[in-house]
């Protein structure tokens, strides 16, 4: 947020509304992060900061507790991604909770996902699964699918459904590893 212009901030606010409607709590940060909001969310809990390299995980922790002085790097604009600055997982006390800072990643493994349980990872899809005509609907090609209807009606964001279908395709095409 600290690098976003007004147009980008408006776009981010639209995404925030979509994710909150889906059921996620979204905390937007900028250079004047409301530390109290984040500290209240993690109070009495163990949290994990995870995400791609260069998204600001360690910077966020330094903002919450400047005494941490965690090494941070700059984003490579040539490569368009962050550099792996954090190299190990470390659990730190932040306020009344604990946060694990983790190394960034460039891809994720989805070994545990199946075509049947993927829908549970998308709250807005999960809420509508019982409305589909066919039991076992995976919301791809089945007729009278409540999820596809919700997408057509703008009740589920098209980009979220597109991501669901992309992951569904990856899950269907994953190869067994031994």
C-alpha atoms as a PDB file:
ATOM      1  CA  UNK A   1       0.000   0.000   0.000  1.00  0.00           C
ATOM      2  CA  UNK A   2       2.881   2.355   0.689  1.00  0.00           C
ATOM      3  CA  UNK A   3       3.862   2.225  -3.001  1.00  0.00           C
ATOM      4  CA  UNK A   4       0.330   2.458  -4.446  1.00  0.00           C
ATOM      5  CA  UNK A   5      -1.099   5.526  -6.134  1.00  0.00           C
ATOM      6  CA  UNK A   6      -4.757   6.506  -5.617  1.00  0.00           C
ATOM      7  CA  UNK A   7      -6.009   4.477  -8.604  1.00  0.00           C
ATOM      8  CA  UNK A   8      -4.213   1.360  -7.374  1.00  0.00           C
ATOM      9  CA  UNK A   9      -5.512   1.926  -3.828  1.00  0.00           C
ATOM     10  CA  UNK A  10      -9.075   2.032  -5.217  1.00  0.00           C
ATOM     11  CA  UNK A  11      -8.451  -1.234  -7.087  1.00  0.00           C
ATOM     12  CA  UNK A  12      -7.053  -2.808  -3.915  1.00  0.00           C
ATOM     13  CA  UNK A  13     -10.150  -1.672  -1.999  1.00  0.00           C
ATOM     14  CA  UNK A  14     -12.298  -3.531  -4.553  1.00  0.00           C
ATOM     15  CA  UNK A  15     -10.295  -6.709  -3.987  1.00  0.00           C
ATOM     16  CA  UNK A  16     -10.553  -6.190  -0.234  1.00  0.00           C
ATOM     17  CA  UNK A  17     -14.357  -6.047  -0.503  1.00  0.00           C
ATOM     18  CA  UNK A  18     -14.430  -9.243  -2.583  1.00  0.00           C
ATOM     19  CA  UNK A  19     -12.281 -11.169  -0.100  1.00  0.00           C
ATOM     20  CA  UNK A  20     -14.214  -9.856   2.898  1.00  0.00           C
ATOM     21  CA  UNK A  21     -17.489 -10.875   1.224  1.00  0.00           C
ATOM     22  CA  UNK A  22     -15.981 -14.357   0.794  1.00  0.00           C
ATOM     23  CA  UNK A  23     -15.328 -14.442   4.542  1.00  0.00           C
ATOM     24  CA  UNK A  24     -11.696 -13.412   4.935  1.00  0.00           C
ATOM     25  CA  UNK A  25     -10.453 -10.740   7.311  1.00  0.00           C
ATOM     26  CA  UNK A  26      -8.297  -8.359   5.283  1.00  0.00           C
ATOM     27  CA  UNK A  27      -5.798  -6.049   6.954  1.00  0.00           C
ATOM     28  CA  UNK A  28      -4.396  -3.450   4.595  1.00  0.00           C
ATOM     29  CA  UNK A  29      -1.148  -1.890   5.637  1.00  0.00           C
ATOM     30  CA  UNK A  30       0.837   1.113   4.622  1.00  0.00           C
ATOM     31  CA  UNK A  31       3.687   3.089   6.103  1.00  0.00           C
ATOM     32  CA  UNK A  32       1.341   4.143   8.884  1.00  0.00           C
ATOM     33  CA  UNK A  33       0.202   0.647   9.717  1.00  0.00           C
ATOM     34  CA  UNK A  34      -2.264   0.455  12.553  1.00  0.00           C
ATOM     35  CA  UNK A  35      -0.129  -1.775  14.752  1.00  0.00           C
ATOM     36  CA  UNK A  36      -2.909  -2.182  17.306  1.00  0.00           C
ATOM     37  CA  UNK A  37      -5.210  -3.876  14.756  1.00  0.00           C
ATOM     38  CA  UNK A  38      -2.568  -6.442  13.837  1.00  0.00           C
ATOM     39  CA  UNK A  39      -1.510  -6.972  17.447  1.00  0.00           C
ATOM     40  CA  UNK A  40      -5.154  -7.532  18.457  1.00  0.00           C
ATOM     41  CA  UNK A  41      -5.579 -10.140  15.699  1.00  0.00           C
ATOM     42  CA  UNK A  42      -2.569 -12.165  16.861  1.00  0.00           C
ATOM     43  CA  UNK A  43      -3.015 -11.693  20.620  1.00  0.00           C
ATOM     44  CA  UNK A  44      -2.895 -15.070  22.382  1.00  0.00           C
ATOM     45  CA  UNK A  45      -2.260 -16.899  19.110  1.00  0.00           C
ATOM     46  CA  UNK A  46       0.527 -18.340  17.042  1.00  0.00           C
ATOM     47  CA  UNK A  47       0.475 -16.874  13.544  1.00  0.00           C
ATOM     48  CA  UNK A  48       2.546 -17.512  10.434  1.00  0.00           C
ATOM     49  CA  UNK A  49       3.626 -14.886   7.946  1.00  0.00           C
ATOM     50  CA  UNK A  50       3.781 -16.647   4.581  1.00  0.00           C
ATOM     51  CA  UNK A  51       3.900 -15.441   1.009  1.00  0.00           C
ATOM     52  CA  UNK A  52       6.000 -14.960  -2.049  1.00  0.00           C
ATOM     53  CA  UNK A  53       9.485 -13.527  -1.809  1.00  0.00           C
ATOM     54  CA  UNK A  54       9.531  -9.755  -1.601  1.00  0.00           C
ATOM     55  CA  UNK A  55       5.961  -9.105  -0.460  1.00  0.00           C
ATOM     56  CA  UNK A  56       7.048  -7.548   2.828  1.00  0.00           C
ATOM     57  CA  UNK A  57       6.701 -10.287   5.445  1.00  0.00           C
ATOM     58  CA  UNK A  58       9.837  -9.299   7.358  1.00  0.00           C
ATOM     59  CA  UNK A  59       9.158  -5.607   6.803  1.00  0.00           C
ATOM     60  CA  UNK A  60       5.754  -6.050   8.448  1.00  0.00           C
ATOM     61  CA  UNK A  61       7.366  -7.733  11.458  1.00  0.00           C
ATOM     62  CA  UNK A  62       9.957  -4.952  11.729  1.00  0.00           C
ATOM     63  CA  UNK A  63       7.096  -2.439  11.670  1.00  0.00           C
ATOM     64  CA  UNK A  64       5.286  -4.286  14.466  1.00  0.00           C
ATOM     65  CA  UNK A  65       8.471  -4.522  16.521  1.00  0.00           C
ATOM     66  CA  UNK A  66      11.401  -2.365  15.323  1.00  0.00           C
ATOM     67  CA  UNK A  67      13.689  -4.057  17.873  1.00  0.00           C
ATOM     68  CA  UNK A  68      13.616  -7.220  15.743  1.00  0.00           C
ATOM     69  CA  UNK A  69      15.798  -5.600  13.077  1.00  0.00           C
ATOM     70  CA  UNK A  70      15.146  -8.468  10.625  1.00  0.00           C
ATOM     71  CA  UNK A  71      17.178  -8.232   7.428  1.00  0.00           C
ATOM     72  CA  UNK A  72      15.093  -7.163   4.441  1.00  0.00           C
ATOM     73  CA  UNK A  73      15.955  -6.871   0.784  1.00  0.00           C
ATOM     74  CA  UNK A  74      14.767  -4.980  -2.217  1.00  0.00           C
ATOM     75  CA  UNK A  75      12.622  -6.247  -5.041  1.00  0.00           C
ATOM     76  CA  UNK A  76      14.476  -6.955  -8.266  1.00  0.00           C
ATOM     77  CA  UNK A  77      12.636  -4.941 -10.880  1.00  0.00           C
ATOM     78  CA  UNK A  78      14.565  -6.816 -13.607  1.00  0.00           C
ATOM     79  CA  UNK A  79      13.195 -10.163 -12.416  1.00  0.00           C
ATOM     80  CA  UNK A  80       9.964  -8.703 -11.054  1.00  0.00           C
ATOM     81  CA  UNK A  81      10.233 -10.572  -7.767  1.00  0.00           C
ATOM     82  CA  UNK A  82      11.821 -10.452  -4.372  1.00  0.00           C
ATOM     83  CA  UNK A  83      15.111 -11.943  -3.330  1.00  0.00           C
ATOM     84  CA  UNK A  84      15.193 -14.680  -0.689  1.00  0.00           C
ATOM     85  CA  UNK A  85      16.359 -12.679   2.344  1.00  0.00           C
ATOM     86  CA  UNK A  86      14.758 -14.808   5.094  1.00  0.00           C
ATOM     87  CA  UNK A  87      16.405 -18.224   5.022  1.00  0.00           C
ATOM     88  CA  UNK A  88      14.911 -19.973   8.046  1.00  0.00           C
ATOM     89  CA  UNK A  89      11.707 -20.081  10.070  1.00  0.00           C
ATOM     90  CA  UNK A  90      11.844 -18.233  13.356  1.00  0.00           C
ATOM     91  CA  UNK A  91       9.113 -17.877  15.981  1.00  0.00           C
ATOM     92  CA  UNK A  92       9.094 -14.417  17.528  1.00  0.00           C
ATOM     93  CA  UNK A  93       7.142 -12.822  20.333  1.00  0.00           C
ATOM     94  CA  UNK A  94       5.115  -9.933  18.961  1.00  0.00           C
ATOM     95  CA  UNK A  95       2.814  -8.194  21.414  1.00  0.00           C
ATOM     96  CA  UNK A  96       0.823 -10.862  23.253  1.00  0.00           C
ATOM     97  CA  UNK A  97       1.262 -13.473  20.532  1.00  0.00           C
ATOM     98  CA  UNK A  98       3.831 -15.283  18.465  1.00  0.00           C
ATOM     99  CA  UNK A  99       4.544 -14.929  14.767  1.00  0.00           C
ATOM    100  CA  UNK A 100       6.680 -17.227  12.652  1.00  0.00           C
ATOM    101  CA  UNK A 101       8.582 -15.427   9.915  1.00  0.00           C
ATOM    102  CA  UNK A 102       9.110 -17.788   6.992  1.00  0.00           C
ATOM    103  CA  UNK A 103      11.201 -17.742   3.832  1.00  0.00           C
ATOM    104  CA  UNK A 104       9.362 -16.608   0.725  1.00  0.00           C
ATOM    105  CA  UNK A 105       8.319 -19.047  -1.939  1.00  0.00           C
ATOM    106  CA  UNK A 106       7.820 -18.993  -5.673  1.00  0.00           C
ATOM    107  CA  UNK A 107       5.451 -21.946  -5.906  1.00  0.00           C
ATOM    108  CA  UNK A 108       3.352 -24.124  -3.634  1.00  0.00           C
ATOM    109  CA  UNK A 109       2.691 -27.843  -3.515  1.00  0.00           C
ATOM    110  CA  UNK A 110      -0.888 -29.010  -3.420  1.00  0.00           C
ATOM    111  CA  UNK A 111      -0.363 -32.669  -2.602  1.00  0.00           C
ATOM    112  CA  UNK A 112      -3.310 -32.887  -0.200  1.00  0.00           C
ATOM    113  CA  UNK A 113      -5.843 -31.199  -2.471  1.00  0.00           C
ATOM    114  CA  UNK A 114      -8.335 -33.313  -4.381  1.00  0.00           C
ATOM    115  CA  UNK A 115     -11.002 -32.332  -6.886  1.00  0.00           C
ATOM    116  CA  UNK A 116     -13.553 -33.034  -4.160  1.00  0.00           C
ATOM    117  CA  UNK A 117     -12.014 -30.987  -1.335  1.00  0.00           C
ATOM    118  CA  UNK A 118     -10.731 -27.978  -3.305  1.00  0.00           C
ATOM    119  CA  UNK A 119     -14.114 -26.258  -3.013  1.00  0.00           C
ATOM    120  CA  UNK A 120     -13.651 -26.055   0.767  1.00  0.00           C
ATOM    121  CA  UNK A 121     -10.678 -23.723   0.173  1.00  0.00           C
ATOM    122  CA  UNK A 122     -12.979 -21.151  -1.439  1.00  0.00           C
ATOM    123  CA  UNK A 123     -15.603 -20.099   1.166  1.00  0.00           C
ATOM    124  CA  UNK A 124     -17.896 -18.487  -1.398  1.00  0.00           C
ATOM    125  CA  UNK A 125     -17.933 -21.717  -3.424  1.00  0.00           C
ATOM    126  CA  UNK A 126     -18.272 -23.929  -0.369  1.00  0.00           C
ATOM    127  CA  UNK A 127     -21.368 -21.991   0.756  1.00  0.00           C
ATOM    128  CA  UNK A 128     -23.170 -22.789  -2.512  1.00  0.00           C
ATOM    129  CA  UNK A 129     -22.151 -26.408  -3.076  1.00  0.00           C
ATOM    130  CA  UNK A 130     -25.347 -27.760  -1.519  1.00  0.00           C
ATOM    131  CA  UNK A 131     -27.437 -25.789  -4.030  1.00  0.00           C
ATOM    132  CA  UNK A 132     -26.053 -27.607  -7.088  1.00  0.00           C
ATOM    133  CA  UNK A 133     -28.352 -30.083  -8.813  1.00  0.00           C
ATOM    134  CA  UNK A 134     -25.840 -32.920  -8.748  1.00  0.00           C
ATOM    135  CA  UNK A 135     -24.172 -34.280  -5.669  1.00  0.00           C
ATOM    136  CA  UNK A 136     -20.403 -34.330  -6.127  1.00  0.00           C
ATOM    137  CA  UNK A 137     -20.465 -31.297  -8.417  1.00  0.00           C
ATOM    138  CA  UNK A 138     -16.963 -29.855  -8.796  1.00  0.00           C
ATOM    139  CA  UNK A 139     -18.380 -26.698 -10.431  1.00  0.00           C
ATOM    140  CA  UNK A 140     -16.656 -27.061 -13.751  1.00  0.00           C
ATOM    141  CA  UNK A 141     -18.814 -28.581 -16.523  1.00  0.00           C
ATOM    142  CA  UNK A 142     -21.864 -29.872 -14.647  1.00  0.00           C
ATOM    143  CA  UNK A 143     -25.321 -28.544 -15.628  1.00  0.00           C
ATOM    144  CA  UNK A 144     -27.413 -26.576 -13.124  1.00  0.00           C
ATOM    145  CA  UNK A 145     -24.389 -25.704 -11.005  1.00  0.00           C
ATOM    146  CA  UNK A 146     -25.198 -23.064  -8.384  1.00  0.00           C
ATOM    147  CA  UNK A 147     -21.583 -21.881  -8.314  1.00  0.00           C
ATOM    148  CA  UNK A 148     -21.436 -21.188 -12.049  1.00  0.00           C
ATOM    149  CA  UNK A 149     -24.795 -19.403 -11.798  1.00  0.00           C
ATOM    150  CA  UNK A 150     -23.456 -17.272  -8.930  1.00  0.00           C
ATOM    151  CA  UNK A 151     -20.435 -16.343 -11.067  1.00  0.00           C
ATOM    152  CA  UNK A 152     -22.692 -15.410 -13.998  1.00  0.00           C
ATOM    153  CA  UNK A 153     -24.828 -13.256 -11.657  1.00  0.00           C
ATOM    154  CA  UNK A 154     -21.775 -11.503 -10.192  1.00  0.00           C
ATOM    155  CA  UNK A 155     -22.309 -13.050  -6.750  1.00  0.00           C
ATOM    156  CA  UNK A 156     -18.908 -14.768  -6.931  1.00  0.00           C
ATOM    157  CA  UNK A 157     -16.038 -12.757  -8.377  1.00  0.00           C
ATOM    158  CA  UNK A 158     -15.044 -14.060 -11.808  1.00  0.00           C
ATOM    159  CA  UNK A 159     -11.338 -13.922 -10.958  1.00  0.00           C
ATOM    160  CA  UNK A 160     -11.909 -16.114  -7.876  1.00  0.00           C
ATOM    161  CA  UNK A 161     -13.759 -18.698  -9.960  1.00  0.00           C
ATOM    162  CA  UNK A 162     -10.995 -18.517 -12.590  1.00  0.00           C
ATOM    163  CA  UNK A 163      -8.415 -19.224  -9.855  1.00  0.00           C
ATOM    164  CA  UNK A 164     -10.562 -22.112  -8.610  1.00  0.00           C
ATOM    165  CA  UNK A 165     -10.658 -23.615 -12.127  1.00  0.00           C
ATOM    166  CA  UNK A 166      -6.895 -23.111 -12.589  1.00  0.00           C
ATOM    167  CA  UNK A 167      -6.168 -24.947  -9.335  1.00  0.00           C
ATOM    168  CA  UNK A 168      -8.761 -27.625 -10.157  1.00  0.00           C
ATOM    169  CA  UNK A 169      -6.967 -28.243 -13.456  1.00  0.00           C
ATOM    170  CA  UNK A 170      -3.605 -28.498 -11.663  1.00  0.00           C
ATOM    171  CA  UNK A 171      -5.057 -30.942  -9.140  1.00  0.00           C
ATOM    172  CA  UNK A 172      -6.548 -33.079 -11.931  1.00  0.00           C
ATOM    173  CA  UNK A 173      -3.249 -33.113 -13.818  1.00  0.00           C
ATOM    174  CA  UNK A 174      -0.882 -33.699 -10.913  1.00  0.00           C
ATOM    175  CA  UNK A 175       1.304 -36.708 -11.250  1.00  0.00           C
ATOM    176  CA  UNK A 176       1.857 -39.230  -8.487  1.00  0.00           C
ATOM    177  CA  UNK A 177       5.230 -38.807  -6.785  1.00  0.00           C
ATOM    178  CA  UNK A 178       6.961 -41.691  -5.093  1.00  0.00           C
END
